[in-house]
C-alpha atoms as a PDB file:
ATOM      1  CA  MET A   1     -15.523   9.690 -21.868  1.00  0.00           C
ATOM      2  CA  SER A   2     -12.871   7.268 -20.331  1.00  0.00           C
ATOM      3  CA  THR A   3     -10.199   8.088 -17.251  1.00  0.00           C
ATOM      4  CA  ASP A   4      -6.829   6.109 -16.488  1.00  0.00           C
ATOM      5  CA  LEU A   5      -7.210   4.063 -13.562  1.00  0.00           C
ATOM      6  CA  ASP A   6      -3.788   3.972 -11.433  1.00  0.00           C
ATOM      7  CA  THR A   7      -3.483   0.322 -10.602  1.00  0.00           C
ATOM      8  CA  VAL A   8      -0.345  -1.854  -9.535  1.00  0.00           C
ATOM      9  CA  ASP A   9       0.881  -5.348 -10.421  1.00  0.00           C
ATOM     10  CA  PRO A  10       1.013  -8.222  -8.026  1.00  0.00           C
ATOM     11  CA  LYS A  11       4.308  -8.241  -7.381  1.00  0.00           C
ATOM     12  CA  THR A  12       4.678  -4.412  -6.394  1.00  0.00           C
ATOM     13  CA  ASP A  13       6.526  -3.885  -3.396  1.00  0.00           C
ATOM     14  CA  ILE A  14       4.227  -3.215  -0.285  1.00  0.00           C
ATOM     15  CA  ALA A  15       6.130  -0.246   0.654  1.00  0.00           C
ATOM     16  CA  GLU A  16       5.982   1.053  -2.923  1.00  0.00           C
ATOM     17  CA  ALA A  17       1.998   0.800  -3.408  1.00  0.00           C
ATOM     18  CA  ALA A  18       1.663   2.476  -0.203  1.00  0.00           C
ATOM     19  CA  ASP A  19       3.935   5.428  -1.415  1.00  0.00           C
ATOM     20  CA  HIS A  20       1.708   5.251  -4.530  1.00  0.00           C
ATOM     21  CA  MET A  21      -1.602   5.534  -2.422  1.00  0.00           C
ATOM     22  CA  ALA A  22      -0.184   8.495  -0.592  1.00  0.00           C
ATOM     23  CA  ARG A  23       0.557  10.728  -3.373  1.00  0.00           C
ATOM     24  CA  LEU A  24      -2.609  10.328  -5.215  1.00  0.00           C
ATOM     25  CA  LYS A  25      -4.532  10.868  -1.718  1.00  0.00           C
ATOM     26  CA  ILE A  26      -6.334   7.525  -2.188  1.00  0.00           C
ATOM     27  CA  ARG A  27      -7.766   4.801   0.268  1.00  0.00           C
ATOM     28  CA  HIS A  28      -7.752   1.836  -2.203  1.00  0.00           C
ATOM     29  CA  LEU A  29      -5.648   0.186  -5.183  1.00  0.00           C
ATOM     30  CA  PRO A  30      -6.534  -2.199  -7.537  1.00  0.00           C
ATOM     31  CA  VAL A  31      -4.189  -5.020  -8.507  1.00  0.00           C
ATOM     32  CA  VAL A  32      -4.146  -5.987 -11.838  1.00  0.00           C
ATOM     33  CA  GLN A  33      -2.616  -8.705 -13.957  1.00  0.00           C
ATOM     34  CA  ASP A  34      -2.631  -9.135 -17.386  1.00  0.00           C
ATOM     35  CA  GLY A  35      -5.631  -6.612 -17.670  1.00  0.00           C
ATOM     36  CA  GLN A  36      -7.398  -8.627 -14.737  1.00  0.00           C
ATOM     37  CA  LEU A  37      -8.225  -7.397 -11.772  1.00  0.00           C
ATOM     38  CA  THR A  38      -7.065  -9.604  -9.220  1.00  0.00           C
ATOM     39  CA  GLY A  39      -7.539  -7.947  -5.883  1.00  0.00           C
ATOM     40  CA  ILE A  40      -7.629  -4.375  -4.478  1.00  0.00           C
ATOM     41  CA  ILE A  41      -5.171  -3.042  -1.524  1.00  0.00           C
ATOM     42  CA  SER A  42      -6.179  -0.749   1.076  1.00  0.00           C
ATOM     43  CA  ILE A  43      -5.085   1.436   4.080  1.00  0.00           C
ATOM     44  CA  ARG A  44      -6.234  -1.016   6.093  1.00  0.00           C
ATOM     45  CA  ASP A  45      -4.608  -3.767   4.488  1.00  0.00           C
ATOM     46  CA  LEU A  46      -1.545  -1.831   4.592  1.00  0.00           C
ATOM     47  CA  THR A  47      -1.515  -0.633   8.332  1.00  0.00           C
ATOM     48  CA  ASN A  48      -2.284  -4.539   9.350  1.00  0.00           C
ATOM     49  CA  TRP A  49       0.446  -5.610   7.424  1.00  0.00           C
ATOM     50  CA  ALA A  50       2.629  -3.291   9.293  1.00  0.00           C
ATOM     51  CA  VAL A  51       1.848  -4.001  12.654  1.00  0.00           C
ATOM     52  CA  HIS A  52       2.557  -7.503  12.058  1.00  0.00           C
ATOM     53  CA  GLU A  53       5.744  -6.572  10.738  1.00  0.00           C
ATOM     54  CA  LEU A  54       6.932  -3.953  13.561  1.00  0.00           C
ATOM     55  CA  THR A  55       5.796  -7.137  16.319  1.00  0.00           C
ATOM     56  CA  SER A  56       6.762 -10.195  14.884  1.00  0.00           C
ATOM     57  CA  GLY A  57      10.344  -9.269  15.046  1.00  0.00           C
ATOM     58  CA  HIS A  58      11.750  -8.852  11.962  1.00  0.00           C
ATOM     59  CA  GLU A  59      15.436  -8.035  11.000  1.00  0.00           C
ATOM     60  CA  LEU A  60      16.718  -4.439  10.500  1.00  0.00           C
ATOM     61  CA  PRO A  61      15.637  -4.361   6.714  1.00  0.00           C
ATOM     62  CA  ASP A  62      12.096  -5.520   7.215  1.00  0.00           C
ATOM     63  CA  LEU A  63      11.495  -3.398   9.735  1.00  0.00           C
ATOM     64  CA  GLU A  64      12.474  -0.381   7.696  1.00  0.00           C
ATOM     65  CA  ARG A  65      10.455  -1.404   4.986  1.00  0.00           C
ATOM     66  CA  SER A  66       7.724  -1.680   7.519  1.00  0.00           C
ATOM     67  CA  HIS A  67       8.017   1.624   8.637  1.00  0.00           C
ATOM     68  CA  SER A  68       7.988   3.017   5.180  1.00  0.00           C
ATOM     69  CA  ALA A  69       5.061   1.175   4.358  1.00  0.00           C
ATOM     70  CA  LEU A  70       2.795   2.218   8.643  1.00  0.00           C
ATOM     71  CA  SER A  71       4.259   5.830   7.833  1.00  0.00           C
ATOM     72  CA  ALA A  72       3.009   5.966   4.103  1.00  0.00           C
ATOM     73  CA  ALA A  73      -0.746   4.414   5.599  1.00  0.00           C
ATOM     74  CA  ALA A  74      -1.030   6.568   8.608  1.00  0.00           C
ATOM     75  CA  GLU A  75      -0.199   9.990   5.391  1.00  0.00           C
ATOM     76  CA  VAL A  76      -2.807   8.568   3.383  1.00  0.00           C
ATOM     77  CA  ASN A  77      -5.325   8.160   5.807  1.00  0.00           C
ATOM     78  CA  ARG A  78      -4.666  11.540   7.429  1.00  0.00           C
ATOM     79  CA  LEU A  79      -5.426  13.247   3.719  1.00  0.00           C
ATOM     80  CA  GLY A  80      -8.151  10.954   3.692  1.00  0.00           C
ATOM     81  CA  GLN A  81     -10.330  12.683   6.237  1.00  0.00           C
END
C-alpha cells in the first residue's frame, strides 16, 4: 500500500505553500528537490516569516504577500485545532 505525499519544491513561493497547507488542512509540508527531502516547512515557520515581514517595513507588494501567508497560516492553525 502506498500513499501519494504532497510536497513543495524549494523554489515554491511561501504564500503558495501556505495556501497549499490551508487547502489540505495540514500543519507541515515536506520540501523535496530531485526526489530528495531537503526540509519541512511548518505553520510556525510561516507565521514567524509573516510576522518578520510585517514588522520589517517592506514595501506594499511584500506586505500583501506576507498578509496572505499569515492569513493562510492562521487558517491552517485554526483547522488543526
